[in-house]
Amino acid sequence: MNYFSSNFKLGILGGGQLGKMLLNDTRKFDIYTCVLDASNEAPCKIASNEFHLGDLLDYDAVYNFGKQVDVLTIEIENVNVDALEALEKEGVKVYPSAKTLRTIQNKATQKLFYVDNDLPTAPFTRFAYLSEIEDAIENGGITLPFVWKAAQFGYDGNGVKVVRVLSDLEGLPKGECIAENLVPFKNELAVIVARNASGEIKTFPVVEMEFHPEANQVEYVICPARIDNDVAKKATEVALKVSKAFNHVGLLAVEMFQTENDNILINEVAPRPHNSGHQTIEANYTSQFEQHLRAILNLPLGRTDSKVGGVMVNLVGAEGHTGNVVYENIETIMKMNGVTPHIYGKKQTRPFRKMGHVTIVNKDLNEARRVAEDVKKVIKVISD
């Protein structure tokens, strides 16, 4: 099929920043794109060929949109899977598949998938209701501390909480959840695996992630990860096993823990471009976004290794600021060598909302990390 400067239509469910960055590459290749999102101010609106308003969880909205395109992909997991199944039966190519998405959408189902496929993950218990956790604690079924995770609709640190005392459960959603053993670990790592429909597979270098202690969001992504080669090899092998089990097409970002004993445990996965791959735009031969396009269109996969050391800094809304966004001191960071800001196009900021990111590249990874610290201190995402 001819995808370039043709009548081919690529559909994207979700109009956020991941879609916006994906559209940079569809425009590079002149691939016609249609985007569905519920917000009339979605970042993707200005860059797509067609923008459609609609609820991603509404069956009719997703089904009717999907009927208008040749290949359908996502930039967010929370979409109507029943509609995707119907579209697949009618010949629309959907990547990732409805089957893969149905498993990944629910964290409890996702964890059971790892167990069923003999993939290493932290021990956990599944609960239909939050109140069952309290009963399990009182009866000795589970012990404090543990990690509570909502089974569905968690994002950007929401839906995850470390429970150290019983009162930490107060105010949490009452529905289905899991209680996961709190695993001591040295590092949080991630590997992005790309796979096309022909079965060609490539992995990006292992990255190291540093998280904000309160918001539970990634603050820094460091590539390559500052770990031993043996650990990097082990992490890549685990990611490939996960990819094989899902038999996905597109990207699969596999987040993992490196334990104190250098074992690798799977935390969770995302079947799409991911926060842990943003630095690939400047630092790698092929960005994660171009690679996702190559994979879902069954094109040859691009070279994935790093050209230079890269560190990504998330730009999130400052605490105490809600309203029209202002990027304070952005000119200052743009004077720094190797610094590239990416602004997502969200007009309204609020505390911890992802508003953009900054990539720092340097042949000396430690220097890139140092500059990243400076960037973090200087630029502020505030309201006017």
Protein backbone atom coordinates (compact mmCIF):
# COMPACT_ATOMS: atom_id res chain seq x y z
CA MET A 1 0.00 0.00 0.00
CA ASN A 2 1.17 3.52 -0.75
CA TYR A 3 1.03 5.57 2.44
CA PHE A 4 2.89 8.64 1.20
CA SER A 5 1.11 11.55 -0.56
CA SER A 6 -1.81 9.20 -1.21
CA ASN A 7 -5.47 8.59 -0.30
CA PHE A 8 -4.43 6.40 2.66
CA LYS A 9 -5.86 7.59 5.99
CA LEU A 10 -4.29 6.94 9.39
CA GLY A 11 -6.63 7.31 12.37
CA ILE A 12 -5.36 8.26 15.84
CA LEU A 13 -7.51 7.83 18.94
CA GLY A 14 -6.51 10.63 21.32
CA GLY A 15 -5.39 14.16 20.60
CA GLY A 16 -2.86 14.80 23.35
CA GLN A 17 0.87 15.50 23.30
CA LEU A 18 1.83 11.98 22.20
CA GLY A 19 -0.40 12.34 19.18
CA LYS A 20 1.00 15.79 18.48
CA MET A 21 4.56 14.45 18.43
CA LEU A 22 3.44 11.52 16.25
CA LEU A 23 1.96 14.03 13.81
CA ASN A 24 5.40 15.65 13.39
CA ASP A 25 6.44 12.47 11.63
CA THR A 26 3.23 11.93 9.66
CA ARG A 27 3.74 15.43 8.26
CA LYS A 28 7.38 14.57 7.48
CA PHE A 29 6.18 11.58 5.46
CA ASP A 30 3.02 13.33 4.14
CA ILE A 31 0.72 10.68 5.61
CA TYR A 32 -2.92 11.82 5.84
CA THR A 33 -4.15 11.76 9.44
CA CYS A 34 -7.51 11.84 11.21
CA VAL A 35 -7.66 12.42 15.00
CA LEU A 36 -10.52 11.78 17.45
CA ASP A 37 -10.56 13.56 20.81
CA ALA A 38 -13.19 14.87 23.23
CA SER A 39 -11.58 18.29 23.63
CA ASN A 40 -11.88 21.02 21.05
CA GLU A 41 -8.55 22.37 22.37
CA ALA A 42 -6.60 19.12 21.99
CA PRO A 43 -2.92 19.65 21.00
CA CYS A 44 -3.43 17.51 17.87
CA LYS A 45 -6.10 19.77 16.41
CA ILE A 46 -3.73 22.09 14.56
CA ALA A 47 -1.46 19.42 13.05
CA SER A 48 -3.89 16.74 11.80
CA ASN A 49 -5.55 16.73 8.39
CA GLU A 50 -8.93 16.01 9.97
CA PHE A 51 -9.96 16.58 13.59
CA HIS A 52 -13.08 14.87 14.95
CA LEU A 53 -14.76 15.64 18.28
CA GLY A 54 -15.89 12.58 20.22
CA ASP A 55 -15.67 10.61 23.46
CA LEU A 56 -12.98 7.92 23.21
CA LEU A 57 -14.97 5.65 25.54
CA ASP A 58 -18.18 5.98 23.50
CA TYR A 59 -18.80 2.96 21.24
CA ASP A 60 -20.50 4.85 18.42
CA ALA A 61 -17.94 7.67 18.38
CA VAL A 62 -14.99 5.27 18.10
CA TYR A 63 -16.73 2.89 15.66
CA ASN A 64 -17.93 5.62 13.29
CA PHE A 65 -14.51 7.29 13.35
CA GLY A 66 -12.72 4.00 12.71
CA LYS A 67 -14.87 3.24 9.65
CA GLN A 68 -13.39 6.32 7.93
CA VAL A 69 -9.71 5.25 8.16
CA ASP A 70 -7.49 2.45 6.85
CA VAL A 71 -5.30 1.90 9.93
CA LEU A 72 -6.25 2.90 13.46
CA THR A 73 -3.82 3.48 16.32
CA ILE A 74 -3.91 5.07 19.79
CA GLU A 75 -2.01 7.59 21.85
CA ILE A 76 -3.96 6.73 25.03
CA GLU A 77 -5.19 3.36 26.32
CA ASN A 78 -8.59 4.46 27.65
CA VAL A 79 -10.65 3.87 24.53
CA ASN A 80 -13.72 1.74 23.75
CA VAL A 81 -12.35 -1.73 23.05
CA ASP A 82 -15.70 -3.20 21.98
CA ALA A 83 -15.74 -0.74 19.07
CA LEU A 84 -12.18 -1.73 18.14
CA GLU A 85 -13.17 -5.41 18.07
CA ALA A 86 -16.05 -4.64 15.73
CA LEU A 87 -13.79 -2.62 13.44
CA GLU A 88 -11.22 -5.44 13.32
CA LYS A 89 -13.95 -7.88 12.25
CA GLU A 90 -14.86 -5.51 9.42
CA GLY A 91 -11.30 -5.33 8.12
CA VAL A 92 -9.92 -2.16 9.72
CA LYS A 93 -6.33 -2.69 10.87
CA VAL A 94 -6.13 -1.75 14.56
CA TYR A 95 -2.71 -1.46 16.27
CA PRO A 96 -2.34 -2.29 19.10
CA SER A 97 -5.06 -4.93 18.75
CA ALA A 98 -8.28 -4.83 20.77
CA LYS A 99 -7.13 -8.02 22.52
CA THR A 100 -3.85 -6.43 23.64
CA LEU A 101 -5.61 -3.26 24.79
CA ARG A 102 -8.27 -5.16 26.75
CA THR A 103 -5.55 -6.89 28.75
CA ILE A 104 -3.48 -3.78 29.37
CA GLN A 105 -6.36 -1.41 30.19
CA ASN A 106 -7.00 -3.19 33.49
CA LYS A 107 -3.97 -3.38 35.81
CA ALA A 108 -5.32 -6.47 37.56
CA THR A 109 -5.80 -8.27 34.24
CA GLN A 110 -2.38 -7.06 33.13
CA LYS A 111 -0.73 -8.48 36.26
CA LEU A 112 -2.53 -11.82 35.84
CA PHE A 113 -1.23 -11.91 32.25
CA TYR A 114 2.34 -11.75 33.57
CA VAL A 115 1.68 -14.59 35.99
CA ASP A 116 0.00 -16.73 33.30
CA ASN A 117 2.95 -16.17 30.95
CA ASP A 118 5.65 -16.77 33.57
CA LEU A 119 6.89 -13.18 33.39
CA PRO A 120 8.59 -11.70 36.48
CA THR A 121 6.48 -9.20 38.43
CA ALA A 122 5.98 -8.21 42.07
CA PRO A 123 3.52 -10.38 44.06
CA PHE A 124 0.04 -8.87 44.29
CA THR A 125 -3.55 -9.49 45.38
CA ARG A 126 -6.60 -8.48 43.38
CA PHE A 127 -9.63 -6.91 45.06
CA ALA A 128 -13.08 -6.10 43.67
CA TYR A 129 -13.56 -3.31 46.20
CA LEU A 130 -11.32 -1.11 48.33
CA SER A 131 -13.13 -2.27 51.49
CA GLU A 132 -11.84 -5.80 50.90
CA ILE A 133 -8.27 -4.52 51.41
CA GLU A 134 -9.16 -3.28 54.90
CA ASP A 135 -10.62 -6.71 55.73
CA ALA A 136 -7.51 -8.43 54.36
CA ILE A 137 -5.24 -6.25 56.52
CA GLU A 138 -7.28 -6.94 59.66
CA ASN A 139 -7.28 -10.69 58.96
CA GLY A 140 -3.58 -10.84 58.12
CA GLY A 141 -4.14 -11.57 54.43
CA ILE A 142 -1.87 -8.71 53.41
CA THR A 143 0.66 -6.72 55.40
CA LEU A 144 1.68 -3.08 55.40
CA PRO A 145 3.33 -1.39 53.58
CA PHE A 146 2.12 -2.15 50.04
CA VAL A 147 1.36 -0.33 46.79
CA TRP A 148 -2.32 0.32 46.01
CA LYS A 149 -3.18 0.60 42.32
CA ALA A 150 -6.56 1.34 40.78
CA ALA A 151 -7.38 -1.34 38.22
CA GLN A 152 -8.49 1.21 35.62
CA PHE A 153 -8.12 4.81 34.49
CA GLY A 154 -4.86 5.62 36.27
CA TYR A 155 -2.47 8.01 34.50
CA ASP A 156 0.53 10.26 35.23
CA GLY A 157 0.89 9.05 38.80
CA ASN A 158 -2.83 9.07 39.54
CA GLY A 159 -4.26 5.74 40.62
CA VAL A 160 -1.08 4.66 42.48
CA LYS A 161 -0.32 5.15 46.18
CA VAL A 162 2.06 3.62 48.71
CA VAL A 163 -0.03 2.56 51.71
CA ARG A 164 2.04 2.60 54.90
CA VAL A 165 -0.76 2.92 57.46
CA LEU A 166 -4.45 2.04 57.27
CA SER A 167 -5.48 5.70 57.10
CA ASP A 168 -3.64 6.02 53.74
CA LEU A 169 -6.62 4.21 52.19
CA GLU A 170 -8.94 7.10 53.03
CA GLY A 171 -10.23 8.99 50.03
CA LEU A 172 -9.12 6.40 47.46
CA PRO A 173 -11.57 5.20 44.78
CA LYS A 174 -13.80 2.39 46.06
CA GLY A 175 -13.68 0.11 43.03
CA GLU A 176 -11.49 -2.68 41.68
CA CYS A 177 -7.82 -2.46 42.63
CA ILE A 178 -4.70 -4.41 43.44
CA ALA A 179 -2.39 -4.45 46.45
CA GLU A 180 1.17 -5.05 45.28
CA ASN A 181 4.13 -5.96 47.45
CA LEU A 182 6.40 -2.96 48.04
CA VAL A 183 9.63 -4.10 46.39
CA PRO A 184 12.96 -2.52 47.43
CA PHE A 185 14.70 -1.50 44.21
CA LYS A 186 17.81 0.28 42.98
CA ASN A 187 16.42 1.74 39.79
CA GLU A 188 13.29 2.11 37.72
CA LEU A 189 14.10 1.17 34.14
CA ALA A 190 12.24 1.05 30.84
CA VAL A 191 12.74 -0.52 27.43
CA ILE A 192 10.66 0.32 24.37
CA VAL A 193 10.16 -2.59 21.97
CA ALA A 194 9.05 -1.99 18.39
CA ARG A 195 7.44 -4.75 16.30
CA ASN A 196 5.86 -4.59 12.85
CA ALA A 197 3.24 -6.93 11.40
CA SER A 198 5.92 -8.92 9.56
CA GLY A 199 7.52 -9.75 12.90
CA GLU A 200 10.60 -7.53 12.68
CA ILE A 201 11.57 -6.46 16.22
CA LYS A 202 13.92 -3.79 17.54
CA THR A 203 14.55 -2.42 21.02
CA PHE A 204 15.60 1.04 22.12
CA PRO A 205 18.41 1.35 24.69
CA VAL A 206 17.48 0.83 28.35
CA VAL A 207 16.57 4.08 30.09
CA GLU A 208 16.69 5.02 33.75
CA MET A 209 13.81 6.97 35.26
CA GLU A 210 13.87 9.29 38.26
CA PHE A 211 10.48 10.02 39.81
CA HIS A 212 9.01 12.98 41.70
CA PRO A 213 8.45 11.71 45.27
CA GLU A 214 5.04 13.37 45.71
CA ALA A 215 3.43 13.37 42.27
CA ASN A 216 4.74 9.86 41.37
CA GLN A 217 5.59 11.24 37.91
CA VAL A 218 8.78 10.80 35.95
CA GLU A 219 11.00 13.87 36.45
CA TYR A 220 14.04 12.71 34.47
CA VAL A 221 14.61 10.04 31.83
CA ILE A 222 18.30 9.20 31.38
CA CYS A 223 19.58 7.33 28.33
CA PRO A 224 21.51 5.15 28.33
CA ALA A 225 20.73 3.95 31.85
CA ARG A 226 23.71 4.14 34.23
CA ILE A 227 23.70 0.41 34.95
CA ASP A 228 25.97 -2.59 34.34
CA ASN A 229 25.81 -4.19 30.90
CA ASP A 230 24.59 -7.45 32.45
CA VAL A 231 21.60 -5.66 34.00
CA ALA A 232 20.84 -3.84 30.74
CA LYS A 233 20.93 -7.13 28.87
CA LYS A 234 18.63 -8.73 31.43
CA ALA A 235 16.14 -5.83 31.22
CA THR A 236 16.10 -6.00 27.42
CA GLU A 237 15.53 -9.76 27.48
CA VAL A 238 12.57 -9.36 29.86
CA ALA A 239 11.09 -6.64 27.64
CA LEU A 240 11.41 -8.90 24.59
CA LYS A 241 9.66 -11.74 26.45
CA VAL A 242 6.78 -9.39 27.32
CA SER A 243 6.57 -8.26 23.69
CA LYS A 244 6.48 -11.86 22.48
CA ALA A 245 3.72 -12.75 24.96
CA PHE A 246 1.52 -9.87 23.79
CA ASN A 247 2.42 -10.40 20.12
CA HIS A 248 1.73 -6.68 19.69
CA VAL A 249 2.25 -4.48 16.65
CA GLY A 250 3.61 -0.98 17.21
CA LEU A 251 5.50 0.12 20.31
CA LEU A 252 5.43 -1.51 23.73
CA ALA A 253 7.04 0.46 26.55
CA VAL A 254 7.97 -1.92 29.38
CA GLU A 255 8.57 -0.29 32.77
CA MET A 256 10.62 -2.39 35.20
CA PHE A 257 12.25 -2.41 38.62
CA GLN A 258 15.90 -3.34 39.12
CA THR A 259 15.82 -4.98 42.56
CA GLU A 260 18.55 -4.85 45.19
CA ASN A 261 19.70 -8.26 43.90
CA ASP A 262 19.74 -7.04 40.28
CA ASN A 263 16.68 -9.04 39.34
CA ILE A 264 14.23 -7.46 36.91
CA LEU A 265 10.51 -7.19 37.75
CA ILE A 266 7.88 -5.84 35.35
CA ASN A 267 5.95 -2.87 36.71
CA GLU A 268 3.56 -2.14 33.84
CA VAL A 269 3.44 -1.63 30.09
CA ALA A 270 2.06 0.88 27.60
CA PRO A 271 1.32 -0.17 23.97
CA ARG A 272 2.13 3.22 22.41
CA PRO A 273 4.74 5.98 22.40
CA HIS A 274 5.71 6.67 25.99
CA ASN A 275 7.19 9.28 28.29
CA SER A 276 10.33 7.12 28.62
CA GLY A 277 11.10 7.61 24.93
CA HIS A 278 10.78 11.36 24.41
CA GLN A 279 14.56 11.89 24.39
CA THR A 280 14.76 9.73 21.25
CA ILE A 281 13.61 12.72 19.15
CA GLU A 282 16.98 14.43 19.60
CA ALA A 283 19.23 11.67 20.92
CA ASN A 284 18.54 8.60 18.72
CA TYR A 285 18.84 7.76 15.04
CA THR A 286 15.11 7.01 14.91
CA SER A 287 12.62 8.61 17.29
CA GLN A 288 10.03 6.47 19.06
CA PHE A 289 7.30 8.29 17.10
CA GLU A 290 8.75 7.56 13.68
CA GLN A 291 9.35 3.97 14.81
CA HIS A 292 5.70 3.61 15.88
CA LEU A 293 4.60 4.72 12.40
CA ARG A 294 7.03 2.34 10.72
CA ALA A 295 5.74 -0.52 12.88
CA ILE A 296 1.98 0.00 12.46
CA LEU A 297 2.37 0.54 8.71
CA ASN A 298 4.55 -2.59 8.41
CA LEU A 299 7.50 -0.64 7.08
CA PRO A 300 11.15 -1.53 7.81
CA LEU A 301 12.05 -0.51 11.35
CA GLY A 302 14.62 2.22 11.87
CA ARG A 303 17.95 2.18 13.68
CA THR A 304 17.34 2.58 17.43
CA ASP A 305 20.71 3.24 19.05
CA SER A 306 21.65 6.58 20.57
CA LYS A 307 23.66 9.17 18.64
CA VAL A 308 24.50 10.94 21.90
CA GLY A 309 23.65 10.79 25.61
CA GLY A 310 20.20 12.19 26.34
CA VAL A 311 18.27 13.31 29.40
CA MET A 312 14.60 14.28 29.33
CA VAL A 313 13.05 16.63 31.89
CA ASN A 314 9.26 16.74 32.23
CA LEU A 315 7.70 20.20 32.40
CA VAL A 316 4.71 20.03 34.71
CA GLY A 317 2.45 22.69 36.14
CA ALA A 318 3.83 24.31 39.29
CA GLU A 319 1.98 23.85 42.55
CA GLY A 320 -0.31 26.74 43.39
CA HIS A 321 -0.85 27.70 39.75
CA THR A 322 -4.05 27.10 37.77
CA GLY A 323 -5.05 29.05 34.67
CA ASN A 324 -3.51 30.43 31.47
CA VAL A 325 -0.01 28.99 31.15
CA VAL A 326 3.22 30.98 31.20
CA TYR A 327 6.64 29.35 30.66
CA GLU A 328 8.83 31.45 32.91
CA ASN A 329 12.55 31.70 31.99
CA ILE A 330 12.21 29.58 28.85
CA GLU A 331 14.59 31.95 27.03
CA THR A 332 17.21 31.28 29.71
CA ILE A 333 17.23 27.51 29.18
CA MET A 334 17.31 27.99 25.40
CA LYS A 335 20.72 29.67 25.82
CA MET A 336 22.11 26.43 27.29
CA ASN A 337 24.01 24.13 24.93
CA GLY A 338 22.18 21.00 23.83
CA VAL A 339 18.82 22.04 25.28
CA THR A 340 15.59 21.65 23.26
CA PRO A 341 12.18 22.47 24.77
CA HIS A 342 8.97 20.83 23.55
CA ILE A 343 5.74 22.66 24.39
CA TYR A 344 2.63 20.51 24.17
CA GLY A 345 0.10 23.20 23.33
CA LYS A 346 -2.10 22.99 26.43
CA LYS A 347 -3.32 26.51 27.15
CA GLN A 348 -4.36 25.82 30.75
CA THR A 349 -1.96 24.73 33.49
CA ARG A 350 -2.69 23.11 36.84
CA PRO A 351 -0.43 21.49 39.47
CA PHE A 352 1.56 18.54 38.07
CA ARG A 353 -0.18 18.62 34.66
CA LYS A 354 2.25 17.56 31.89
CA MET A 355 2.75 20.72 29.82
CA GLY A 356 5.93 19.90 27.93
CA HIS A 357 9.39 18.41 28.20
CA VAL A 358 12.99 19.45 27.64
CA THR A 359 15.68 17.25 26.09
CA ILE A 360 19.33 17.77 26.95
CA VAL A 361 21.94 16.05 24.77
CA ASN A 362 25.65 15.75 25.47
CA LYS A 363 28.40 13.24 24.71
CA ASP A 364 29.03 13.22 28.47
CA LEU A 365 25.89 11.77 30.07
CA ASN A 366 26.83 13.08 33.52
CA GLU A 367 27.10 16.59 32.08
CA ALA A 368 23.70 16.18 30.44
CA ARG A 369 22.24 15.17 33.81
CA ARG A 370 23.85 18.20 35.46
CA VAL A 371 22.38 20.55 32.86
CA ALA A 372 19.00 18.85 33.30
CA GLU A 373 19.12 19.77 36.98
CA ASP A 374 19.79 23.40 36.01
CA VAL A 375 16.89 23.33 33.55
CA LYS A 376 14.58 21.95 36.23
CA LYS A 377 15.54 24.74 38.62
CA VAL A 378 15.28 27.58 36.10
CA ILE A 379 12.13 27.03 34.04
CA LYS A 380 8.75 27.30 35.77
CA VAL A 381 5.32 26.42 34.39
CA ILE A 382 3.04 28.98 36.05
CA SER A 383 -0.21 30.82 35.38
CA ASP A 384 -0.54 34.47 34.43
